[in-house]
PDB file of N, CA and C in Angstrom:
ATOM      1  N   MET A   1       0.837  -1.148  -0.081  1.00  0.00           N
ATOM      2  CA  MET A   1      -0.157  -0.192   0.107  1.00  0.00           C
ATOM      3  C   MET A   1       0.882   1.136  -0.086  1.00  0.00           C
ATOM      4  N   ARG A   2       0.553   2.234  -0.693  1.00  0.00           N
ATOM      5  CA  ARG A   2       1.212   3.299  -0.729  1.00  0.00           C
ATOM      6  C   ARG A   2       0.812   4.481   0.364  1.00  0.00           C
ATOM      7  N   SER A   3       0.717   4.286   1.479  1.00  0.00           N
ATOM      8  CA  SER A   3       0.432   4.861   2.770  1.00  0.00           C
ATOM      9  C   SER A   3      -0.559   5.885   2.593  1.00  0.00           C
ATOM     10  N   GLY A   4      -1.827   5.107   2.288  1.00  0.00           N
ATOM     11  CA  GLY A   4      -3.177   6.038   2.309  1.00  0.00           C
ATOM     12  C   GLY A   4      -3.525   6.900   1.160  1.00  0.00           C
ATOM     13  N   THR A   5      -2.760   6.780   0.005  1.00  0.00           N
ATOM     14  CA  THR A   5      -2.890   7.551  -1.180  1.00  0.00           C
ATOM     15  C   THR A   5      -3.975   7.178  -1.906  1.00  0.00           C
ATOM     16  N   THR A   6      -4.567   7.985  -3.000  1.00  0.00           N
ATOM     17  CA  THR A   6      -5.776   7.370  -3.974  1.00  0.00           C
ATOM     18  C   THR A   6      -4.994   6.280  -4.511  1.00  0.00           C
ATOM     19  N   TRP A   7      -3.945   6.138  -4.909  1.00  0.00           N
ATOM     20  CA  TRP A   7      -3.302   5.022  -5.599  1.00  0.00           C
ATOM     21  C   TRP A   7      -3.845   3.837  -4.991  1.00  0.00           C
ATOM     22  N   ASP A   8      -3.833   3.667  -3.622  1.00  0.00           N
ATOM     23  CA  ASP A   8      -4.439   2.352  -3.154  1.00  0.00           C
ATOM     24  C   ASP A   8      -5.561   1.890  -3.474  1.00  0.00           C
ATOM     25  N   ASN A   9      -6.428   2.722  -3.573  1.00  0.00           N
ATOM     26  CA  ASN A   9      -7.869   2.263  -4.076  1.00  0.00           C
ATOM     27  C   ASN A   9      -7.988   2.047  -5.529  1.00  0.00           C
ATOM     28  N   ILE A  10      -7.125   2.665  -6.357  1.00  0.00           N
ATOM     29  CA  ILE A  10      -6.969   2.612  -7.712  1.00  0.00           C
ATOM     30  C   ILE A  10      -6.383   1.126  -7.983  1.00  0.00           C
ATOM     31  N   LEU A  11      -5.351   0.789  -7.394  1.00  0.00           N
ATOM     32  CA  LEU A  11      -4.641  -0.405  -7.550  1.00  0.00           C
ATOM     33  C   LEU A  11      -5.469  -1.577  -7.063  1.00  0.00           C
ATOM     34  N   GLU A  12      -6.010  -1.371  -6.025  1.00  0.00           N
ATOM     35  CA  GLU A  12      -6.919  -2.438  -5.517  1.00  0.00           C
ATOM     36  C   GLU A  12      -8.008  -2.830  -6.537  1.00  0.00           C
ATOM     37  N   GLU A  13      -8.579  -1.972  -7.075  1.00  0.00           N
ATOM     38  CA  GLU A  13      -9.841  -2.162  -8.126  1.00  0.00           C
ATOM     39  C   GLU A  13      -9.022  -2.706  -9.297  1.00  0.00           C
ATOM     40  N   VAL A  14      -7.785  -2.248  -9.825  1.00  0.00           N
ATOM     41  CA  VAL A  14      -7.096  -2.802 -10.861  1.00  0.00           C
ATOM     42  C   VAL A  14      -6.980  -4.714 -10.532  1.00  0.00           C
ATOM     43  N   ARG A  15      -6.577  -5.000  -9.478  1.00  0.00           N
ATOM     44  CA  ARG A  15      -6.278  -6.421  -9.184  1.00  0.00           C
ATOM     45  C   ARG A  15      -7.531  -6.974  -9.148  1.00  0.00           C
ATOM     46  N   SER A  16      -8.581  -6.470  -8.975  1.00  0.00           N
ATOM     47  CA  SER A  16      -9.960  -7.339  -8.984  1.00  0.00           C
ATOM     48  C   SER A  16     -10.453  -7.309 -10.432  1.00  0.00           C
ATOM     49  N   GLU A  17      -9.901  -6.787 -11.238  1.00  0.00           N
ATOM     50  CA  GLU A  17     -10.374  -6.991 -12.624  1.00  0.00           C
ATOM     51  C   GLU A  17      -9.936  -8.059 -13.422  1.00  0.00           C
ATOM     52  N   ASN A  18     -10.553  -8.449 -14.339  1.00  0.00           N
ATOM     53  CA  ASN A  18     -10.069  -9.629 -15.225  1.00  0.00           C
ATOM     54  C   ASN A  18      -9.605  -9.089 -16.276  1.00  0.00           C
ATOM     55  N   LEU A  19      -8.364  -8.945 -16.479  1.00  0.00           N
ATOM     56  CA  LEU A  19      -7.723  -8.474 -17.689  1.00  0.00           C
ATOM     57  C   LEU A  19      -6.927  -9.383 -18.509  1.00  0.00           C
ATOM     58  N   GLN A  20      -7.282 -10.549 -18.334  1.00  0.00           N
ATOM     59  CA  GLN A  20      -6.538 -11.996 -19.055  1.00  0.00           C
ATOM     60  C   GLN A  20      -6.298 -11.577 -20.447  1.00  0.00           C
ATOM     61  N   GLY A  21      -4.991 -11.715 -20.682  1.00  0.00           N
ATOM     62  CA  GLY A  21      -4.634 -11.562 -22.334  1.00  0.00           C
ATOM     63  C   GLY A  21      -4.576 -10.013 -22.673  1.00  0.00           C
ATOM     64  N   LYS A  22      -4.953  -8.963 -22.022  1.00  0.00           N
ATOM     65  CA  LYS A  22      -4.826  -7.629 -22.218  1.00  0.00           C
ATOM     66  C   LYS A  22      -3.298  -7.183 -22.079  1.00  0.00           C
ATOM     67  N   LYS A  23      -2.753  -6.504 -23.175  1.00  0.00           N
ATOM     68  CA  LYS A  23      -1.311  -6.048 -23.126  1.00  0.00           C
ATOM     69  C   LYS A  23      -1.364  -4.700 -22.412  1.00  0.00           C
ATOM     70  N   VAL A  24      -0.617  -4.480 -21.167  1.00  0.00           N
ATOM     71  CA  VAL A  24      -0.445  -3.500 -20.639  1.00  0.00           C
ATOM     72  C   VAL A  24       0.979  -3.091 -20.374  1.00  0.00           C
ATOM     73  N   ALA A  25       1.431  -1.708 -20.544  1.00  0.00           N
ATOM     74  CA  ALA A  25       2.555  -1.197 -20.420  1.00  0.00           C
ATOM     75  C   ALA A  25       2.533  -0.257 -19.624  1.00  0.00           C
ATOM     76  N   VAL A  26       3.680   0.024 -18.925  1.00  0.00           N
ATOM     77  CA  VAL A  26       3.583   0.900 -17.470  1.00  0.00           C
ATOM     78  C   VAL A  26       4.967   1.925 -17.761  1.00  0.00           C
ATOM     79  N   PHE A  27       4.566   3.138 -17.419  1.00  0.00           N
ATOM     80  CA  PHE A  27       5.831   3.991 -17.386  1.00  0.00           C
ATOM     81  C   PHE A  27       5.679   4.923 -16.085  1.00  0.00           C
ATOM     82  N   GLY A  28       6.659   5.634 -15.618  1.00  0.00           N
ATOM     83  CA  GLY A  28       6.823   6.233 -14.406  1.00  0.00           C
ATOM     84  C   GLY A  28       7.679   7.329 -14.484  1.00  0.00           C
ATOM     85  N   CYS A  29       7.415   8.417 -13.617  1.00  0.00           N
ATOM     86  CA  CYS A  29       8.271   9.514 -13.626  1.00  0.00           C
ATOM     87  C   CYS A  29       8.906   9.611 -12.270  1.00  0.00           C
ATOM     88  N   GLY A  30      10.220   9.973 -12.261  1.00  0.00           N
ATOM     89  CA  GLY A  30      10.929  10.102 -10.724  1.00  0.00           C
ATOM     90  C   GLY A  30      12.034  11.114 -10.983  1.00  0.00           C
ATOM     91  N   ASP A  31      12.667  10.950  -9.819  1.00  0.00           N
ATOM     92  CA  ASP A  31      13.979  11.896  -9.830  1.00  0.00           C
ATOM     93  C   ASP A  31      15.139  10.999  -9.448  1.00  0.00           C
ATOM     94  N   SER A  32      15.973  10.750 -10.097  1.00  0.00           N
ATOM     95  CA  SER A  32      16.919   9.645  -9.919  1.00  0.00           C
ATOM     96  C   SER A  32      18.077  10.029  -9.003  1.00  0.00           C
ATOM     97  N   ILE A  33      18.053  11.517  -8.709  1.00  0.00           N
ATOM     98  CA  ILE A  33      19.392  11.903  -7.777  1.00  0.00           C
ATOM     99  C   ILE A  33      18.538  12.308  -6.449  1.00  0.00           C
ATOM    100  N   SER A  34      17.617  12.916  -6.396  1.00  0.00           N
ATOM    101  CA  SER A  34      17.044  13.170  -5.117  1.00  0.00           C
ATOM    102  C   SER A  34      16.385  11.977  -4.273  1.00  0.00           C
ATOM    103  N   TYR A  35      15.723  11.069  -5.161  1.00  0.00           N
ATOM    104  CA  TYR A  35      15.023   9.896  -4.917  1.00  0.00           C
ATOM    105  C   TYR A  35      15.852   8.589  -5.522  1.00  0.00           C
ATOM    106  N   GLY A  36      16.994   8.539  -5.454  1.00  0.00           N
ATOM    107  CA  GLY A  36      17.674   7.482  -6.087  1.00  0.00           C
ATOM    108  C   GLY A  36      17.783   6.352  -5.451  1.00  0.00           C
ATOM    109  N   ASP A  37      17.478   6.130  -4.211  1.00  0.00           N
ATOM    110  CA  ASP A  37      17.291   4.861  -3.540  1.00  0.00           C
ATOM    111  C   ASP A  37      15.663   4.174  -3.746  1.00  0.00           C
ATOM    112  N   TYR A  38      14.937   5.013  -4.264  1.00  0.00           N
ATOM    113  CA  TYR A  38      13.605   4.505  -4.790  1.00  0.00           C
ATOM    114  C   TYR A  38      13.185   4.879  -5.973  1.00  0.00           C
ATOM    115  N   PHE A  39      14.030   4.958  -6.966  1.00  0.00           N
ATOM    116  CA  PHE A  39      13.735   5.583  -8.250  1.00  0.00           C
ATOM    117  C   PHE A  39      12.433   4.762  -8.982  1.00  0.00           C
ATOM    118  N   CYS A  40      11.682   5.803  -9.433  1.00  0.00           N
ATOM    119  CA  CYS A  40      10.221   5.100  -9.880  1.00  0.00           C
ATOM    120  C   CYS A  40       9.771   3.960  -9.316  1.00  0.00           C
ATOM    121  N   ASP A  41       9.811   3.652  -8.027  1.00  0.00           N
ATOM    122  CA  ASP A  41       9.319   2.429  -7.470  1.00  0.00           C
ATOM    123  C   ASP A  41       7.871   2.179  -7.860  1.00  0.00           C
ATOM    124  N   ALA A  42       7.094   3.204  -8.024  1.00  0.00           N
ATOM    125  CA  ALA A  42       5.547   2.937  -8.461  1.00  0.00           C
ATOM    126  C   ALA A  42       5.339   2.159  -9.649  1.00  0.00           C
ATOM    127  N   ILE A  43       6.358   2.091 -10.529  1.00  0.00           N
ATOM    128  CA  ILE A  43       6.196   1.296 -11.783  1.00  0.00           C
ATOM    129  C   ILE A  43       6.184  -0.028 -11.430  1.00  0.00           C
ATOM    130  N   GLU A  44       6.760  -0.750 -10.504  1.00  0.00           N
ATOM    131  CA  GLU A  44       6.620  -1.927  -9.858  1.00  0.00           C
ATOM    132  C   GLU A  44       5.069  -2.278  -9.124  1.00  0.00           C
ATOM    133  N   GLU A  45       4.750  -1.275  -8.422  1.00  0.00           N
ATOM    134  CA  GLU A  45       3.284  -1.287  -7.752  1.00  0.00           C
ATOM    135  C   GLU A  45       2.145  -1.375  -8.773  1.00  0.00           C
ATOM    136  N   ILE A  46       2.252  -0.632 -10.000  1.00  0.00           N
ATOM    137  CA  ILE A  46       1.410  -0.577 -10.998  1.00  0.00           C
ATOM    138  C   ILE A  46       1.336  -1.884 -11.826  1.00  0.00           C
ATOM    139  N   HIS A  47       2.764  -2.132 -12.169  1.00  0.00           N
ATOM    140  CA  HIS A  47       3.186  -3.465 -12.777  1.00  0.00           C
ATOM    141  C   HIS A  47       2.493  -4.691 -12.186  1.00  0.00           C
ATOM    142  N   SER A  48       2.721  -4.813 -10.730  1.00  0.00           N
ATOM    143  CA  SER A  48       2.108  -5.831 -10.015  1.00  0.00           C
ATOM    144  C   SER A  48       0.626  -6.110 -10.161  1.00  0.00           C
ATOM    145  N   ALA A  49       0.162  -4.720 -10.045  1.00  0.00           N
ATOM    146  CA  ALA A  49      -1.400  -4.772  -9.754  1.00  0.00           C
ATOM    147  C   ALA A  49      -2.044  -5.548 -11.067  1.00  0.00           C
ATOM    148  N   PHE A  50      -1.436  -4.920 -12.263  1.00  0.00           N
ATOM    149  CA  PHE A  50      -2.103  -5.220 -13.541  1.00  0.00           C
ATOM    150  C   PHE A  50      -1.677  -6.790 -13.948  1.00  0.00           C
ATOM    151  N   ALA A  51      -0.389  -7.190 -13.453  1.00  0.00           N
ATOM    152  CA  ALA A  51       0.120  -8.544 -13.710  1.00  0.00           C
ATOM    153  C   ALA A  51      -0.993  -9.465 -12.839  1.00  0.00           C
ATOM    154  N   LYS A  52      -1.363  -9.206 -11.654  1.00  0.00           N
ATOM    155  CA  LYS A  52      -2.205 -10.099 -10.785  1.00  0.00           C
ATOM    156  C   LYS A  52      -3.353 -10.066 -11.406  1.00  0.00           C
ATOM    157  N   SER A  53      -4.054  -8.960 -12.042  1.00  0.00           N
ATOM    158  CA  SER A  53      -5.412  -9.133 -12.720  1.00  0.00           C
ATOM    159  C   SER A  53      -5.379  -9.855 -14.153  1.00  0.00           C
ATOM    160  N   GLY A  54      -3.973 -10.688 -14.387  1.00  0.00           N
ATOM    161  CA  GLY A  54      -4.192 -11.458 -15.563  1.00  0.00           C
ATOM    162  C   GLY A  54      -3.613 -10.845 -16.741  1.00  0.00           C
ATOM    163  N   ALA A  55      -3.109  -9.529 -16.689  1.00  0.00           N
ATOM    164  CA  ALA A  55      -2.538  -8.720 -17.909  1.00  0.00           C
ATOM    165  C   ALA A  55      -1.338  -9.175 -18.347  1.00  0.00           C
ATOM    166  N   MET A  56      -1.278  -9.261 -19.544  1.00  0.00           N
ATOM    167  CA  MET A  56       0.103  -9.744 -20.253  1.00  0.00           C
ATOM    168  C   MET A  56       1.060  -8.338 -20.282  1.00  0.00           C
ATOM    169  N   MET A  57       2.399  -8.151 -19.487  1.00  0.00           N
ATOM    170  CA  MET A  57       2.874  -7.279 -19.319  1.00  0.00           C
ATOM    171  C   MET A  57       3.840  -7.175 -20.195  1.00  0.00           C
ATOM    172  N   VAL A  58       4.125  -5.843 -21.015  1.00  0.00           N
ATOM    173  CA  VAL A  58       4.955  -5.542 -21.998  1.00  0.00           C
ATOM    174  C   VAL A  58       5.701  -4.413 -21.725  1.00  0.00           C
ATOM    175  N   GLY A  59       6.931  -4.112 -22.453  1.00  0.00           N
ATOM    176  CA  GLY A  59       7.510  -2.785 -22.310  1.00  0.00           C
ATOM    177  C   GLY A  59       8.760  -2.613 -21.330  1.00  0.00           C
ATOM    178  N   LYS A  60       9.215  -3.725 -20.937  1.00  0.00           N
ATOM    179  CA  LYS A  60      10.411  -3.694 -20.014  1.00  0.00           C
ATOM    180  C   LYS A  60      11.556  -2.931 -20.738  1.00  0.00           C
ATOM    181  N   VAL A  61      12.389  -2.124 -19.672  1.00  0.00           N
ATOM    182  CA  VAL A  61      13.384  -1.338 -20.320  1.00  0.00           C
ATOM    183  C   VAL A  61      14.708  -1.449 -19.727  1.00  0.00           C
ATOM    184  N   ASP A  62      15.621  -1.676 -20.315  1.00  0.00           N
ATOM    185  CA  ASP A  62      17.211  -1.957 -20.033  1.00  0.00           C
ATOM    186  C   ASP A  62      17.478  -0.866 -19.176  1.00  0.00           C
ATOM    187  N   THR A  63      18.093  -1.136 -18.160  1.00  0.00           N
ATOM    188  CA  THR A  63      18.524  -0.075 -17.088  1.00  0.00           C
ATOM    189  C   THR A  63      19.870   0.618 -17.327  1.00  0.00           C
ATOM    190  N   SER A  64      20.467   0.210 -18.402  1.00  0.00           N
ATOM    191  CA  SER A  64      21.646   0.798 -19.176  1.00  0.00           C
ATOM    192  C   SER A  64      21.292   2.249 -19.364  1.00  0.00           C
ATOM    193  N   GLY A  65      22.164   3.167 -18.975  1.00  0.00           N
ATOM    194  CA  GLY A  65      22.102   4.428 -19.520  1.00  0.00           C
ATOM    195  C   GLY A  65      21.383   5.460 -18.297  1.00  0.00           C
ATOM    196  N   TYR A  66      21.102   4.764 -17.488  1.00  0.00           N
ATOM    197  CA  TYR A  66      20.211   5.370 -16.116  1.00  0.00           C
ATOM    198  C   TYR A  66      21.186   5.276 -14.942  1.00  0.00           C
ATOM    199  N   ASP A  67      21.077   6.608 -14.317  1.00  0.00           N
ATOM    200  CA  ASP A  67      21.927   6.683 -13.103  1.00  0.00           C
ATOM    201  C   ASP A  67      21.314   7.006 -12.003  1.00  0.00           C
ATOM    202  N   PHE A  68      21.018   5.690 -11.116  1.00  0.00           N
ATOM    203  CA  PHE A  68      20.188   5.682 -10.055  1.00  0.00           C
ATOM    204  C   PHE A  68      20.882   4.639  -8.926  1.00  0.00           C
ATOM    205  N   ILE A  69      20.466   4.636  -7.765  1.00  0.00           N
ATOM    206  CA  ILE A  69      20.945   3.853  -6.673  1.00  0.00           C
ATOM    207  C   ILE A  69      20.161   2.512  -6.851  1.00  0.00           C
ATOM    208  N   HIS A  70      18.902   2.797  -6.388  1.00  0.00           N
ATOM    209  CA  HIS A  70      18.149   1.272  -6.232  1.00  0.00           C
ATOM    210  C   HIS A  70      16.433   1.829  -6.971  1.00  0.00           C
ATOM    211  N   SER A  71      15.939   0.640  -7.425  1.00  0.00           N
ATOM    212  CA  SER A  71      14.494   0.726  -7.753  1.00  0.00           C
ATOM    213  C   SER A  71      13.772  -0.747  -7.511  1.00  0.00           C
ATOM    214  N   LYS A  72      12.724  -0.797  -6.667  1.00  0.00           N
ATOM    215  CA  LYS A  72      12.189  -2.122  -6.703  1.00  0.00           C
ATOM    216  C   LYS A  72      11.497  -2.316  -8.083  1.00  0.00           C
ATOM    217  N   SER A  73      11.618  -1.276  -8.964  1.00  0.00           N
ATOM    218  CA  SER A  73      10.997  -1.432 -10.356  1.00  0.00           C
ATOM    219  C   SER A  73      11.914  -2.208 -11.243  1.00  0.00           C
ATOM    220  N   VAL A  74      13.070  -2.671 -10.762  1.00  0.00           N
ATOM    221  CA  VAL A  74      14.060  -3.314 -11.692  1.00  0.00           C
ATOM    222  C   VAL A  74      13.973  -4.709 -11.219  1.00  0.00           C
ATOM    223  N   GLN A  75      14.036  -5.769 -12.338  1.00  0.00           N
ATOM    224  CA  GLN A  75      14.083  -6.928 -12.350  1.00  0.00           C
ATOM    225  C   GLN A  75      14.979  -7.474 -13.450  1.00  0.00           C
ATOM    226  N   ASP A  76      16.079  -8.267 -13.065  1.00  0.00           N
ATOM    227  CA  ASP A  76      16.855  -8.818 -14.126  1.00  0.00           C
ATOM    228  C   ASP A  76      17.532  -7.825 -14.924  1.00  0.00           C
ATOM    229  N   GLY A  77      17.941  -6.715 -14.374  1.00  0.00           N
ATOM    230  CA  GLY A  77      18.411  -5.514 -15.352  1.00  0.00           C
ATOM    231  C   GLY A  77      17.463  -4.627 -16.090  1.00  0.00           C
ATOM    232  N   TYR A  78      16.136  -4.997 -15.893  1.00  0.00           N
ATOM    233  CA  TYR A  78      15.222  -4.120 -16.632  1.00  0.00           C
ATOM    234  C   TYR A  78      14.266  -3.605 -15.769  1.00  0.00           C
ATOM    235  N   PHE A  79      14.046  -2.277 -15.945  1.00  0.00           N
ATOM    236  CA  PHE A  79      12.787  -1.606 -15.295  1.00  0.00           C
ATOM    237  C   PHE A  79      11.512  -2.533 -15.891  1.00  0.00           C
ATOM    238  N   LEU A  80      10.483  -2.605 -14.991  1.00  0.00           N
ATOM    239  CA  LEU A  80       9.352  -3.203 -15.466  1.00  0.00           C
ATOM    240  C   LEU A  80       8.278  -2.423 -16.343  1.00  0.00           C
ATOM    241  N   GLY A  81       8.963  -1.072 -16.723  1.00  0.00           N
ATOM    242  CA  GLY A  81       8.287  -0.314 -17.638  1.00  0.00           C
ATOM    243  C   GLY A  81       9.121   0.835 -17.996  1.00  0.00           C
ATOM    244  N   LEU A  82       8.737   1.818 -18.639  1.00  0.00           N
ATOM    245  CA  LEU A  82       9.722   3.085 -19.025  1.00  0.00           C
ATOM    246  C   LEU A  82       9.751   3.929 -17.648  1.00  0.00           C
ATOM    247  N   ALA A  83      11.089   4.127 -17.497  1.00  0.00           N
ATOM    248  CA  ALA A  83      11.508   5.117 -16.177  1.00  0.00           C
ATOM    249  C   ALA A  83      12.104   6.481 -17.024  1.00  0.00           C
ATOM    250  N   LEU A  84      11.177   7.451 -16.357  1.00  0.00           N
ATOM    251  CA  LEU A  84      11.826   9.022 -17.052  1.00  0.00           C
ATOM    252  C   LEU A  84      12.072   9.862 -15.827  1.00  0.00           C
ATOM    253  N   ASP A  85      13.074  10.601 -16.007  1.00  0.00           N
ATOM    254  CA  ASP A  85      13.488  11.531 -14.993  1.00  0.00           C
ATOM    255  C   ASP A  85      13.560  12.950 -15.775  1.00  0.00           C
ATOM    256  N   GLN A  86      12.451  13.779 -15.753  1.00  0.00           N
ATOM    257  CA  GLN A  86      12.307  15.120 -16.103  1.00  0.00           C
ATOM    258  C   GLN A  86      13.130  15.968 -15.316  1.00  0.00           C
ATOM    259  N   VAL A  87      13.564  15.631 -14.204  1.00  0.00           N
ATOM    260  CA  VAL A  87      14.348  16.754 -13.403  1.00  0.00           C
ATOM    261  C   VAL A  87      15.965  16.773 -13.873  1.00  0.00           C
ATOM    262  N   ASN A  88      16.534  15.481 -13.868  1.00  0.00           N
ATOM    263  CA  ASN A  88      17.747  15.399 -14.090  1.00  0.00           C
ATOM    264  C   ASN A  88      18.299  15.067 -15.621  1.00  0.00           C
ATOM    265  N   GLU A  89      17.360  14.176 -16.224  1.00  0.00           N
ATOM    266  CA  GLU A  89      17.610  13.729 -17.682  1.00  0.00           C
ATOM    267  C   GLU A  89      16.613  13.975 -18.493  1.00  0.00           C
ATOM    268  N   GLU A  90      15.973  15.317 -18.606  1.00  0.00           N
ATOM    269  CA  GLU A  90      14.919  15.546 -19.468  1.00  0.00           C
ATOM    270  C   GLU A  90      15.555  15.728 -20.996  1.00  0.00           C
ATOM    271  N   HIS A  91      16.765  15.742 -21.190  1.00  0.00           N
ATOM    272  CA  HIS A  91      17.300  15.797 -22.583  1.00  0.00           C
ATOM    273  C   HIS A  91      17.355  14.173 -23.139  1.00  0.00           C
ATOM    274  N   LEU A  92      17.060  13.150 -22.264  1.00  0.00           N
ATOM    275  CA  LEU A  92      16.838  11.898 -22.953  1.00  0.00           C
ATOM    276  C   LEU A  92      15.559  11.427 -22.804  1.00  0.00           C
ATOM    277  N   THR A  93      14.508  12.087 -22.432  1.00  0.00           N
ATOM    278  CA  THR A  93      13.130  11.908 -22.375  1.00  0.00           C
ATOM    279  C   THR A  93      12.750  11.433 -23.840  1.00  0.00           C
ATOM    280  N   GLU A  94      12.748  12.252 -24.819  1.00  0.00           N
ATOM    281  CA  GLU A  94      12.391  12.396 -26.109  1.00  0.00           C
ATOM    282  C   GLU A  94      12.662  10.939 -26.828  1.00  0.00           C
ATOM    283  N   GLU A  95      13.962  10.770 -26.706  1.00  0.00           N
ATOM    284  CA  GLU A  95      14.511   9.399 -27.366  1.00  0.00           C
ATOM    285  C   GLU A  95      14.011   8.287 -26.669  1.00  0.00           C
ATOM    286  N   ARG A  96      13.901   8.285 -25.316  1.00  0.00           N
ATOM    287  CA  ARG A  96      13.549   7.232 -24.383  1.00  0.00           C
ATOM    288  C   ARG A  96      11.984   6.964 -24.931  1.00  0.00           C
ATOM    289  N   VAL A  97      11.171   7.782 -24.815  1.00  0.00           N
ATOM    290  CA  VAL A  97       9.960   7.645 -25.348  1.00  0.00           C
ATOM    291  C   VAL A  97       9.697   7.195 -26.899  1.00  0.00           C
ATOM    292  N   ARG A  98      10.366   7.661 -27.647  1.00  0.00           N
ATOM    293  CA  ARG A  98      10.425   7.348 -29.023  1.00  0.00           C
ATOM    294  C   ARG A  98      10.923   5.625 -29.147  1.00  0.00           C
ATOM    295  N   ALA A  99      11.873   5.178 -28.443  1.00  0.00           N
ATOM    296  CA  ALA A  99      12.334   3.881 -28.472  1.00  0.00           C
ATOM    297  C   ALA A  99      11.509   3.032 -27.860  1.00  0.00           C
ATOM    298  N   TRP A 100      10.788   3.509 -26.759  1.00  0.00           N
ATOM    299  CA  TRP A 100       9.843   2.562 -26.156  1.00  0.00           C
ATOM    300  C   TRP A 100       8.783   2.469 -27.027  1.00  0.00           C
ATOM    301  N   CYS A 101       8.089   3.497 -27.736  1.00  0.00           N
ATOM    302  CA  CYS A 101       7.069   3.335 -28.596  1.00  0.00           C
ATOM    303  C   CYS A 101       7.273   2.314 -29.548  1.00  0.00           C
ATOM    304  N   SER A 102       8.193   2.272 -30.059  1.00  0.00           N
ATOM    305  CA  SER A 102       8.825   1.375 -31.248  1.00  0.00           C
ATOM    306  C   SER A 102       8.877   0.062 -30.564  1.00  0.00           C
ATOM    307  N   GLN A 103       9.327  -0.293 -29.352  1.00  0.00           N
ATOM    308  CA  GLN A 103       9.262  -1.651 -28.794  1.00  0.00           C
ATOM    309  C   GLN A 103       8.003  -2.060 -28.461  1.00  0.00           C
ATOM    310  N   LEU A 104       7.084  -1.367 -28.085  1.00  0.00           N
ATOM    311  CA  LEU A 104       5.809  -1.651 -27.763  1.00  0.00           C
ATOM    312  C   LEU A 104       4.927  -2.084 -29.038  1.00  0.00           C
ATOM    313  N   ILE A 105       5.218  -1.631 -30.183  1.00  0.00           N
ATOM    314  CA  ILE A 105       4.938  -1.877 -31.552  1.00  0.00           C
ATOM    315  C   ILE A 105       5.303  -3.147 -31.853  1.00  0.00           C
ATOM    316  N   LYS A 106       6.690  -3.599 -31.607  1.00  0.00           N
ATOM    317  CA  LYS A 106       7.034  -4.898 -31.897  1.00  0.00           C
ATOM    318  C   LYS A 106       6.455  -5.772 -30.945  1.00  0.00           C
ATOM    319  N   GLU A 107       6.222  -5.512 -29.684  1.00  0.00           N
ATOM    320  CA  GLU A 107       5.548  -6.383 -28.885  1.00  0.00           C
ATOM    321  C   GLU A 107       4.080  -6.519 -28.892  1.00  0.00           C
ATOM    322  N   GLY A 108       3.534  -6.008 -30.017  1.00  0.00           N
ATOM    323  CA  GLY A 108       2.266  -6.192 -30.497  1.00  0.00           C
ATOM    324  C   GLY A 108       1.150  -5.239 -29.900  1.00  0.00           C
ATOM    325  N   VAL A 109       1.715  -4.155 -29.283  1.00  0.00           N
ATOM    326  CA  VAL A 109       0.769  -3.247 -28.843  1.00  0.00           C
ATOM    327  C   VAL A 109       0.171  -2.230 -30.178  1.00  0.00           C
ATOM    328  N   GLU A 110      -1.001  -2.108 -30.149  1.00  0.00           N
ATOM    329  CA  GLU A 110      -1.490  -1.222 -31.391  1.00  0.00           C
ATOM    330  C   GLU A 110      -1.898   0.036 -30.958  1.00  0.00           C
TER     331      GLU A 110
END
């Protein structure tokens, strides 16, 4: 739970849905310097809720090129979705989004 935020209710509702076979991609925004110990952790929370509902999760992103300390959104060297840092890496956002959209098309997202 996210300490009593509105996200708690939304994610609980997502978990209760039947999204079997639906493709879902997640992105998150964070600050890799000020919050480097838990950079874009919400990606994992959202990813887990949709996965529990049966969704087919797509859009993992290699952590290469990112500068952060830790994130629970990382599994096996990949973010569970697109991580963006508009505070410290704004100059990389456009290319990251473009590459991710191309990847999602290859993964069958229409």
